[in-house]
Each structure stands twice: as C-alpha cells, then as structure tokens.
Amino acid sequence: MIIIFWISIFLIVYTFVGYGFVLYILVKIKGIFKKPFVFRADAALPTVSILVAAYNEEDIIEEKIHNTLLLRYPKANLQLIFITDGSSDQTAEKVKGYKDILLLHEDLRAGKMAAIKRAIPYIKGEITVFTDANTFLNEDAINQLVKHYQNPLVGAVAGEKRILVEKSADASSAGEGFYWKYESKLKKWDYELHSNVGAAGELFSIRTALYQPVESDTIIDDHMIAMRIAEKGYIIAYEPDAYAMETASADVKEELKRKIRIAAGGIQSILRLKKAANPFHQPIFTFQYISHRVLRWTITPFLLILVFVLNGMIAFTRPIAFYQGLFVLQCLFYLLSLIGLYFERRNVRIKALFIPYYFCIMNYAVIAGIIRYYKKNQSAAWEKSKRKV
C-alpha cells in the first residue's frame, strides 16, 4: 500500500510540477551543446491563407474581421477564408459584406473538422493559419509565425493563448489565466528542447502541403492536425510573440463544459496517435508527449483520488506523524477548494482560493470527459462556450 502510495505521489508531482523542472534542466544542458536556429530578417515571406471557422458568432464576427484586416502582412501574400457552416444567425450575412474575404457557407452543421475539410481545397497559401472567431491576434502575429518555417524541419507553429484577466477576476478567469501562463512556459521549453506536443485552435499554423485529413468525428481537431504532422517527423514550433487574446469562460460552469469536451477529445487522440506514443519512432518527442499530455489526460486525476484514500488509510492504521500531517494538508487543500466553490457561487473574489478550486475542476473534467467519451456522448460538433464580454 505504501509503495503504491509513493509511486502515485511521484506521478502526480511529476505531471504537474516535476516535468517543468526536468524540461528546464534539459533545455539548459542542450543550450551548452547546440545553439538555436537563427532566423534571417531578409527571408522571402511565404503566401499565407488564414482560415476562420465561425459558428453563430454574429455578435463578434465583425470585430474578428477588423482584427484580421489589420494584421501587418503583405496583402498580396494573404488569403482570408471564413467558413460559417451551420450558422443560423447573421454571421454569414455579415461576412458577405467584405470583398477581401472568401466566404464559405452551407446550412448543414457537421462539426468544425468537417468544415475545415471542406475549406482545404480553397486554400492557396503555402502556410495555413487557423484561428478561432472569438479570439483576437496581435498585429505582427503572422510575421512571427511564418519566420519559423525558415527551418525546414518545422511543419507547424503554435501561437500563444492569452486570457484577459480582470483585477477582480472570478474562479474561471483567475484559474484559466494562471493555467495558460504555466502552459505557455512549458510550451516554450518543449520547443527549445525539441517540439511542442500539440496546438490550440485559437492560433496555430501548418505547412499546407503537410496537411493530413483527420477523422470527421475528431473532437479536438487543432491538436490532431498538428500531431499528425509531428508524427511524420516534423517539429511543432512555438512562438509566444504571436498571440491570440480572448476573455475567460463566462463562469466555471462554462469552463467545465469546455474542459470536459477537451478531455474527451484528449482520450480520443491518445487512442489514435499511436506513433506519437511509440518511443522507438521519436524517443524525445514521445517523452515530451507522455509527460505533457498523456499523464494529464489519463491516470493522474484518478491517482489524486487514490492518493487521498491511501493516505487516509495509512494515517489511521499507522500512527506516523509524517503521513498524518500529509493527510491533514490534503484535507486542507480540498477544503480550500470547497471554500473557493462557496465564494464563487456568492460572487466573492479571493484569487488565492480559486487556484485549488480550478485545479480540482480541471481534474474532475478529465474524469468526466473520459466517461463521456466511452459512453459515446461527446459529439464532434463544437459546443460554443459563453465567454465574458
């Protein structure tokens, strides 16, 4: 029982904290022996197609269009495609008014992946940039993304996701903001060591020639598109100076809905990305993939429950102060999470309590997502989450 307890503790700590330390050390060691790739300032700019999949975004679509039109990239090298399949509001009508944008629309809603597949034949750019309708890019985002393609080993480039957090943030804002700051640091180090292990749909790009269709029932299409390219032996680069900004989920309920969907997609992707998990194919990439993604999306949330139960059993059957103290700390952590839930429901803003609350919500979402996937209750059609204004 004690052996299982300590193995579980090790895996939990490694997943959430330890991998970051190991990654940091490995990056420093690599830096001694190998210098980073140097980008040329005078390199020719490739042609770029920006693809925006929008579903019922009439309230924000014109802001997205204006943001896209203001991007600092040569217009002659830029193609804009908005696909609004299935939208039943005025999204398509609003896009139609802009002559610089190619609008693709049909009434049938078959999911985001199906919409992307339908748009691919219209793409003319050497580089395809995917970005969500409810996120806004910095003006130099495209330039920052495409510079990485000077390296012939790079097949995809992920931008940074930034959550706009108010000073009086609630749990969804504070927790999501803290999570993405930590994620961004891990992605930076992942790329410095070798490669990222996925991409977020808010902003990522690929070499168009490397695009490989993924299954139409794919739940997290952005991750799968990038990972299929990585499975071919290409690097997924990361560029923090190309960023997509969005507000946090409207509340924890909306954030939980989004996290459960991602978790269901996560287990689906793990079952399908067999090359990525094969250490004989790309050892370093597999190490990164399992450490950064697989452990989080599979066993770690269950281990948290196991550790709590085992710690309680050990503390009550063996009067050892260390185990008793550790159990008390665990109880205190989960108590703070419950207090965070209480304050969230009463609209009381105490950020320190939102971190343990968000941590618990995040791990509960993984368990719920796995259950939903195996019960076949998760549709590939995108479930729009409400976000703060």
Protein backbone atom coordinates (compact mmCIF):
# COMPACT_ATOMS: atom_id res chain seq x y z
CA MET A 1 0.00 0.00 0.00
CA ILE A 2 2.83 2.41 0.86
CA ILE A 3 4.69 1.56 -2.35
CA ILE A 4 1.59 2.26 -4.46
CA PHE A 5 1.06 5.48 -2.49
CA TRP A 6 4.57 6.80 -3.22
CA ILE A 7 4.54 5.78 -6.88
CA SER A 8 1.23 7.65 -7.24
CA ILE A 9 2.61 10.70 -5.43
CA PHE A 10 5.64 10.70 -7.73
CA LEU A 11 3.50 10.55 -10.90
CA ILE A 12 1.20 13.35 -9.69
CA VAL A 13 4.07 15.67 -8.73
CA TYR A 14 5.94 14.84 -11.93
CA THR A 15 2.88 15.54 -14.10
CA PHE A 16 2.04 18.94 -12.67
CA VAL A 17 5.41 20.27 -11.46
CA GLY A 18 8.27 17.86 -11.96
CA TYR A 19 8.13 17.73 -15.75
CA GLY A 20 8.57 21.50 -15.85
CA PHE A 21 11.77 21.24 -13.75
CA VAL A 22 13.13 18.33 -15.80
CA LEU A 23 12.34 20.19 -19.02
CA TYR A 24 14.06 23.35 -17.80
CA ILE A 25 17.23 21.44 -16.89
CA LEU A 26 17.29 19.55 -20.21
CA VAL A 27 16.89 22.82 -22.14
CA LYS A 28 19.83 24.36 -20.26
CA ILE A 29 22.00 21.32 -20.97
CA LYS A 30 21.03 21.36 -24.66
CA GLY A 31 21.89 25.08 -24.83
CA ILE A 32 25.50 24.29 -23.90
CA PHE A 33 25.97 21.99 -26.90
CA LYS A 34 23.60 23.36 -29.53
CA LYS A 35 22.73 26.91 -30.50
CA PRO A 36 19.14 27.82 -31.50
CA PHE A 37 18.17 28.27 -35.15
CA VAL A 38 18.91 31.81 -36.40
CA PHE A 39 16.16 33.49 -38.45
CA ARG A 40 17.08 35.67 -41.43
CA ALA A 41 15.48 39.12 -41.44
CA ASP A 42 15.64 39.30 -45.25
CA ALA A 43 13.96 35.94 -45.94
CA ALA A 44 11.14 35.94 -48.52
CA LEU A 45 7.68 35.89 -46.97
CA PRO A 46 5.54 32.88 -47.91
CA THR A 47 1.94 33.10 -49.09
CA VAL A 48 -0.47 32.63 -46.20
CA SER A 49 -4.11 31.57 -46.00
CA ILE A 50 -5.96 32.44 -42.79
CA LEU A 51 -8.86 30.10 -42.08
CA VAL A 52 -11.54 31.12 -39.57
CA ALA A 53 -14.30 28.64 -38.73
CA ALA A 54 -17.23 30.54 -37.20
CA TYR A 55 -20.48 29.12 -35.86
CA ASN A 56 -23.20 31.58 -34.77
CA GLU A 57 -20.76 34.39 -33.97
CA GLU A 58 -22.87 37.36 -35.16
CA ASP A 59 -22.10 39.36 -32.01
CA ILE A 60 -18.33 39.29 -32.51
CA ILE A 61 -17.64 38.35 -36.14
CA GLU A 62 -17.16 41.93 -37.40
CA GLU A 63 -14.62 42.62 -34.65
CA LYS A 64 -12.79 39.47 -35.75
CA ILE A 65 -12.86 40.64 -39.38
CA HIS A 66 -11.49 44.08 -38.49
CA ASN A 67 -8.78 42.47 -36.36
CA THR A 68 -7.82 40.18 -39.26
CA LEU A 69 -7.73 43.01 -41.80
CA LEU A 70 -5.37 44.98 -39.54
CA LEU A 71 -2.73 42.23 -39.46
CA ARG A 72 0.65 43.52 -40.67
CA TYR A 73 1.37 41.17 -43.53
CA PRO A 74 1.63 41.90 -47.28
CA LYS A 75 -1.91 41.81 -48.68
CA ALA A 76 -0.66 40.26 -51.92
CA ASN A 77 0.59 37.27 -49.89
CA LEU A 78 -2.54 36.91 -47.78
CA GLN A 79 -5.78 34.99 -48.38
CA LEU A 80 -8.69 35.24 -45.92
CA ILE A 81 -11.27 32.44 -45.70
CA PHE A 82 -14.22 32.43 -43.31
CA ILE A 83 -16.34 29.28 -43.17
CA THR A 84 -19.67 29.61 -41.37
CA ASP A 85 -21.29 26.20 -41.99
CA GLY A 86 -24.39 25.54 -39.93
CA SER A 87 -24.69 29.11 -38.62
CA SER A 88 -28.34 30.01 -38.20
CA ASP A 89 -27.85 33.68 -37.25
CA GLN A 90 -26.44 36.63 -39.23
CA THR A 91 -22.78 35.51 -39.14
CA ALA A 92 -22.63 34.61 -42.85
CA GLU A 93 -24.51 37.75 -43.89
CA LYS A 94 -22.07 39.97 -42.01
CA VAL A 95 -19.03 38.26 -43.54
CA LYS A 96 -20.53 38.54 -47.02
CA GLY A 97 -20.16 42.34 -46.91
CA TYR A 98 -16.34 42.17 -47.06
CA LYS A 99 -14.94 41.72 -50.57
CA ASP A 100 -11.45 40.77 -49.32
CA ILE A 101 -12.82 37.66 -47.62
CA LEU A 102 -13.76 34.36 -49.25
CA LEU A 103 -16.96 33.21 -47.55
CA LEU A 104 -17.85 29.52 -47.49
CA HIS A 105 -21.26 28.68 -46.12
CA GLU A 106 -23.78 25.89 -46.21
CA ASP A 107 -26.70 25.31 -43.88
CA LEU A 108 -25.63 21.83 -42.79
CA ARG A 109 -23.74 21.70 -39.50
CA ALA A 110 -21.37 18.72 -39.43
CA GLY A 111 -18.74 19.91 -36.93
CA LYS A 112 -15.61 22.01 -37.13
CA MET A 113 -13.44 19.27 -38.63
CA ALA A 114 -15.91 18.72 -41.45
CA ALA A 115 -15.95 22.48 -42.10
CA ILE A 116 -12.15 22.61 -42.22
CA LYS A 117 -12.04 19.67 -44.64
CA ARG A 118 -14.49 21.47 -46.90
CA ALA A 119 -12.37 24.62 -46.85
CA ILE A 120 -9.00 22.98 -47.56
CA PRO A 121 -9.42 22.79 -51.39
CA TYR A 122 -9.88 26.59 -51.49
CA ILE A 123 -6.58 27.28 -49.70
CA LYS A 124 -3.87 28.81 -51.90
CA GLY A 125 -1.22 29.75 -49.35
CA GLU A 126 1.99 27.86 -48.64
CA ILE A 127 1.16 28.32 -44.96
CA THR A 128 -2.30 27.86 -43.47
CA VAL A 129 -3.14 29.73 -40.28
CA PHE A 130 -6.07 28.54 -38.17
CA THR A 131 -7.66 30.93 -35.69
CA ASP A 132 -10.95 30.99 -33.77
CA ALA A 133 -13.67 33.55 -34.41
CA ASN A 134 -13.74 34.74 -30.78
CA THR A 135 -10.00 35.43 -30.44
CA PHE A 136 -8.02 38.50 -31.48
CA LEU A 137 -4.47 38.42 -32.79
CA ASN A 138 -1.66 40.91 -32.31
CA GLU A 139 -0.82 42.84 -35.49
CA ASP A 140 2.53 41.11 -36.04
CA ALA A 141 1.24 37.58 -35.35
CA ILE A 142 1.57 36.21 -38.89
CA ASN A 143 5.12 37.52 -39.35
CA GLN A 144 6.12 35.93 -36.07
CA LEU A 145 4.57 32.59 -37.01
CA VAL A 146 5.99 32.28 -40.52
CA LYS A 147 9.61 33.04 -39.59
CA HIS A 148 9.86 29.54 -38.08
CA TYR A 149 9.27 27.97 -41.49
CA GLN A 150 12.77 29.10 -42.49
CA ASN A 151 13.74 25.93 -40.62
CA PRO A 152 12.88 23.04 -42.99
CA LEU A 153 12.31 20.74 -40.01
CA VAL A 154 9.34 22.82 -38.79
CA GLY A 155 5.98 21.57 -40.02
CA ALA A 156 3.65 23.53 -37.73
CA VAL A 157 3.84 26.58 -35.45
CA ALA A 158 1.64 27.20 -32.42
CA GLY A 159 0.94 30.70 -31.18
CA GLU A 160 0.34 31.68 -27.57
CA LYS A 161 -3.08 31.83 -25.98
CA ARG A 162 -3.61 34.73 -23.57
CA ILE A 163 -6.57 35.05 -21.23
CA LEU A 164 -7.68 38.58 -20.40
CA VAL A 165 -7.98 38.59 -16.60
CA GLU A 166 -9.52 41.46 -14.64
CA LYS A 167 -8.15 42.50 -11.26
CA SER A 168 -11.40 41.34 -9.64
CA ALA A 169 -11.33 38.01 -11.51
CA ASP A 170 -13.60 35.12 -10.60
CA ALA A 171 -12.54 31.47 -10.49
CA SER A 172 -12.86 30.85 -14.22
CA SER A 173 -10.74 33.93 -15.06
CA ALA A 174 -8.09 33.54 -12.37
CA GLY A 175 -7.77 29.78 -12.77
CA GLU A 176 -7.78 29.76 -16.56
CA GLY A 177 -5.34 32.68 -16.69
CA PHE A 178 -2.90 31.02 -14.28
CA TYR A 179 -3.17 27.69 -16.13
CA TRP A 180 -2.39 29.21 -19.53
CA LYS A 181 0.61 31.16 -18.19
CA TYR A 182 2.08 27.92 -16.89
CA GLU A 183 1.16 26.07 -20.11
CA SER A 184 2.86 28.76 -22.19
CA LYS A 185 6.08 28.34 -20.22
CA LEU A 186 6.00 24.57 -20.75
CA LYS A 187 5.35 25.02 -24.48
CA LYS A 188 8.31 27.39 -24.76
CA TRP A 189 10.61 24.86 -23.10
CA ASP A 190 9.13 21.95 -25.09
CA TYR A 191 10.06 23.71 -28.32
CA GLU A 192 13.52 24.66 -27.04
CA LEU A 193 14.17 21.00 -26.21
CA HIS A 194 12.67 19.58 -29.42
CA SER A 195 8.99 20.11 -30.28
CA ASN A 196 5.61 21.10 -28.96
CA VAL A 197 3.10 18.30 -28.44
CA GLY A 198 0.01 19.84 -29.97
CA ALA A 199 -1.54 23.19 -30.78
CA ALA A 200 -4.54 25.21 -29.63
CA GLY A 201 -7.19 26.28 -32.13
CA GLU A 202 -7.02 29.90 -31.01
CA LEU A 203 -3.90 30.31 -33.18
CA PHE A 204 -1.71 27.79 -34.98
CA SER A 205 -0.32 27.26 -38.45
CA ILE A 206 0.94 24.45 -40.68
CA ARG A 207 2.76 23.95 -43.96
CA THR A 208 -0.26 23.48 -46.22
CA ALA A 209 1.46 20.69 -48.15
CA LEU A 210 1.74 18.66 -44.93
CA TYR A 211 -1.96 18.84 -44.07
CA GLN A 212 -3.34 15.39 -43.45
CA PRO A 213 -7.12 14.96 -43.08
CA VAL A 214 -8.16 13.63 -39.70
CA GLU A 215 -11.30 11.69 -38.95
CA SER A 216 -14.52 13.72 -39.24
CA ASP A 217 -15.56 12.73 -35.70
CA THR A 218 -12.38 14.29 -34.27
CA ILE A 219 -13.23 16.27 -31.14
CA ILE A 220 -10.08 18.42 -30.75
CA ASP A 221 -9.18 18.94 -34.41
CA ASP A 222 -6.42 21.52 -33.84
CA HIS A 223 -4.42 19.15 -31.64
CA MET A 224 -4.85 16.24 -34.05
CA ILE A 225 -3.92 18.21 -37.18
CA ALA A 226 -0.66 19.38 -35.59
CA MET A 227 0.16 16.00 -34.05
CA ARG A 228 -0.32 14.11 -37.31
CA ILE A 229 2.32 16.40 -38.83
CA ALA A 230 4.62 15.75 -35.85
CA GLU A 231 4.15 12.00 -36.31
CA LYS A 232 5.71 12.43 -39.77
CA GLY A 233 8.90 13.61 -38.08
CA TYR A 234 8.36 17.38 -38.26
CA ILE A 235 8.70 19.84 -35.38
CA ILE A 236 5.80 21.80 -33.90
CA ALA A 237 7.36 25.17 -33.12
CA TYR A 238 6.08 27.65 -30.54
CA GLU A 239 6.02 31.43 -30.89
CA PRO A 240 4.97 33.50 -27.83
CA ASP A 241 5.14 36.77 -29.81
CA ALA A 242 2.25 35.55 -31.98
CA TYR A 243 -0.66 35.51 -29.60
CA ALA A 244 -4.43 35.17 -29.55
CA MET A 245 -6.33 37.06 -26.87
CA GLU A 246 -9.72 36.11 -25.51
CA THR A 247 -11.74 36.57 -22.38
CA ALA A 248 -12.19 33.73 -19.92
CA SER A 249 -15.24 31.49 -19.84
CA ALA A 250 -18.33 33.27 -18.56
CA ASP A 251 -18.25 31.20 -15.37
CA VAL A 252 -16.94 27.93 -14.00
CA LYS A 253 -19.91 26.01 -15.43
CA GLU A 254 -18.99 27.15 -18.95
CA GLU A 255 -15.30 26.44 -18.34
CA LEU A 256 -16.16 22.97 -17.06
CA LYS A 257 -18.19 22.27 -20.21
CA ARG A 258 -15.19 23.25 -22.33
CA LYS A 259 -12.71 21.24 -20.26
CA ILE A 260 -14.85 18.09 -20.39
CA ARG A 261 -15.01 18.35 -24.16
CA ILE A 262 -11.22 18.76 -24.37
CA ALA A 263 -10.72 15.79 -22.04
CA ALA A 264 -12.99 13.60 -24.17
CA GLY A 265 -11.01 14.71 -27.22
CA GLY A 266 -7.78 14.07 -25.35
CA ILE A 267 -8.52 10.40 -24.69
CA GLN A 268 -9.74 10.04 -28.28
CA SER A 269 -6.47 11.49 -29.61
CA ILE A 270 -4.35 9.25 -27.36
CA LEU A 271 -6.08 6.18 -28.76
CA ARG A 272 -5.42 7.38 -32.32
CA LEU A 273 -1.89 8.81 -32.11
CA LYS A 274 -0.05 5.51 -31.89
CA LYS A 275 3.19 6.74 -33.50
CA ALA A 276 3.48 9.62 -31.04
CA ALA A 277 3.40 7.16 -28.13
CA ASN A 278 5.98 4.84 -29.72
CA PRO A 279 9.42 5.57 -28.16
CA PHE A 280 11.20 3.69 -30.96
CA HIS A 281 9.81 6.16 -33.54
CA GLN A 282 10.82 9.51 -31.97
CA PRO A 283 12.17 8.96 -28.41
CA ILE A 284 12.44 12.62 -27.33
CA PHE A 285 9.05 13.54 -28.79
CA THR A 286 7.41 10.54 -27.12
CA PHE A 287 8.96 11.52 -23.77
CA GLN A 288 7.51 15.03 -24.17
CA TYR A 289 4.12 13.77 -25.35
CA ILE A 290 3.64 11.30 -22.49
CA SER A 291 4.94 13.74 -19.86
CA HIS A 292 2.98 16.79 -21.03
CA ARG A 293 -0.24 15.26 -22.37
CA VAL A 294 -0.83 11.56 -21.79
CA LEU A 295 -0.36 11.54 -18.00
CA ARG A 296 -2.68 14.55 -17.56
CA TRP A 297 -5.37 13.10 -19.80
CA THR A 298 -5.36 9.56 -18.42
CA ILE A 299 -4.25 8.36 -14.99
CA THR A 300 -3.26 11.44 -12.96
CA PRO A 301 -6.80 12.58 -11.93
CA PHE A 302 -7.57 9.04 -10.76
CA LEU A 303 -4.27 8.94 -8.86
CA LEU A 304 -5.30 12.05 -6.92
CA ILE A 305 -8.30 10.12 -5.57
CA LEU A 306 -6.19 7.03 -4.91
CA VAL A 307 -3.55 9.03 -3.02
CA PHE A 308 -6.18 10.68 -0.81
CA VAL A 309 -7.77 7.31 0.07
CA LEU A 310 -4.46 5.53 0.66
CA ASN A 311 -3.11 8.43 2.70
CA GLY A 312 -6.19 8.29 4.91
CA MET A 313 -5.85 4.53 5.39
CA ILE A 314 -2.13 4.79 6.22
CA ALA A 315 -2.67 7.73 8.59
CA PHE A 316 -5.34 5.89 10.56
CA THR A 317 -3.69 2.46 10.64
CA ARG A 318 -0.11 3.60 11.29
CA PRO A 319 0.48 6.39 13.82
CA ILE A 320 3.29 8.02 11.83
CA ALA A 321 3.30 11.81 12.11
CA PHE A 322 4.51 12.35 8.54
CA TYR A 323 1.58 10.51 6.94
CA GLN A 324 -0.89 12.10 9.33
CA GLY A 325 0.46 15.57 8.55
CA LEU A 326 0.33 14.89 4.82
CA PHE A 327 -3.29 13.76 5.10
CA VAL A 328 -4.15 16.93 7.01
CA LEU A 329 -2.55 19.03 4.24
CA GLN A 330 -4.57 17.16 1.63
CA CYS A 331 -7.76 17.75 3.57
CA LEU A 332 -6.87 21.44 3.90
CA PHE A 333 -6.26 21.73 0.13
CA TYR A 334 -9.63 20.21 -0.74
CA LEU A 335 -11.31 22.30 1.97
CA LEU A 336 -9.87 25.43 0.33
CA SER A 337 -11.27 24.18 -2.97
CA LEU A 338 -14.73 23.84 -1.42
CA ILE A 339 -14.43 27.33 0.08
CA GLY A 340 -13.47 28.55 -3.40
CA LEU A 341 -16.66 26.94 -4.75
CA TYR A 342 -18.71 28.60 -1.99
CA PHE A 343 -17.23 32.04 -2.70
CA GLU A 344 -17.58 31.59 -6.46
CA ARG A 345 -21.31 30.95 -6.10
CA ARG A 346 -21.64 34.06 -3.97
CA ASN A 347 -19.57 36.20 -6.32
CA VAL A 348 -16.82 36.81 -3.72
CA ARG A 349 -13.41 37.40 -5.35
CA ILE A 350 -10.45 35.81 -3.50
CA LYS A 351 -7.92 34.66 -6.12
CA ALA A 352 -5.84 32.56 -3.71
CA LEU A 353 -8.80 30.22 -3.19
CA PHE A 354 -9.58 29.93 -6.90
CA ILE A 355 -6.34 28.10 -7.75
CA PRO A 356 -7.13 24.92 -5.71
CA TYR A 357 -10.75 25.14 -6.87
CA TYR A 358 -9.74 25.40 -10.53
CA PHE A 359 -7.22 22.55 -10.08
CA CYS A 360 -9.98 20.28 -8.80
CA ILE A 361 -12.37 21.36 -11.55
CA MET A 362 -9.69 20.65 -14.17
CA ASN A 363 -9.06 17.12 -12.91
CA TYR A 364 -12.75 16.37 -12.45
CA ALA A 365 -13.24 17.42 -16.08
CA VAL A 366 -10.71 14.80 -17.23
CA ILE A 367 -12.58 12.01 -15.43
CA ALA A 368 -15.94 13.26 -16.74
CA GLY A 369 -14.50 13.61 -20.26
CA ILE A 370 -13.16 10.04 -20.27
CA ILE A 371 -16.53 8.71 -19.10
CA ARG A 372 -18.36 10.80 -21.70
CA TYR A 373 -16.10 9.56 -24.49
CA TYR A 374 -16.52 5.89 -23.63
CA LYS A 375 -20.28 6.35 -23.33
CA LYS A 376 -20.14 7.92 -26.83
CA ASN A 377 -21.90 11.02 -25.51
CA GLN A 378 -19.42 13.55 -26.95
CA SER A 379 -20.31 14.98 -30.36
CA ALA A 380 -17.61 16.29 -32.72
CA ALA A 381 -19.79 19.35 -33.35
CA TRP A 382 -18.32 22.30 -31.50
CA GLU A 383 -20.19 23.25 -28.31
CA LYS A 384 -19.87 27.00 -28.08
CA SER A 385 -18.95 28.15 -24.58
CA LYS A 386 -20.13 31.51 -23.32
CA ARG A 387 -17.32 33.93 -22.57
CA LYS A 388 -17.07 37.13 -20.61
CA VAL A 389 -17.74 40.32 -22.55
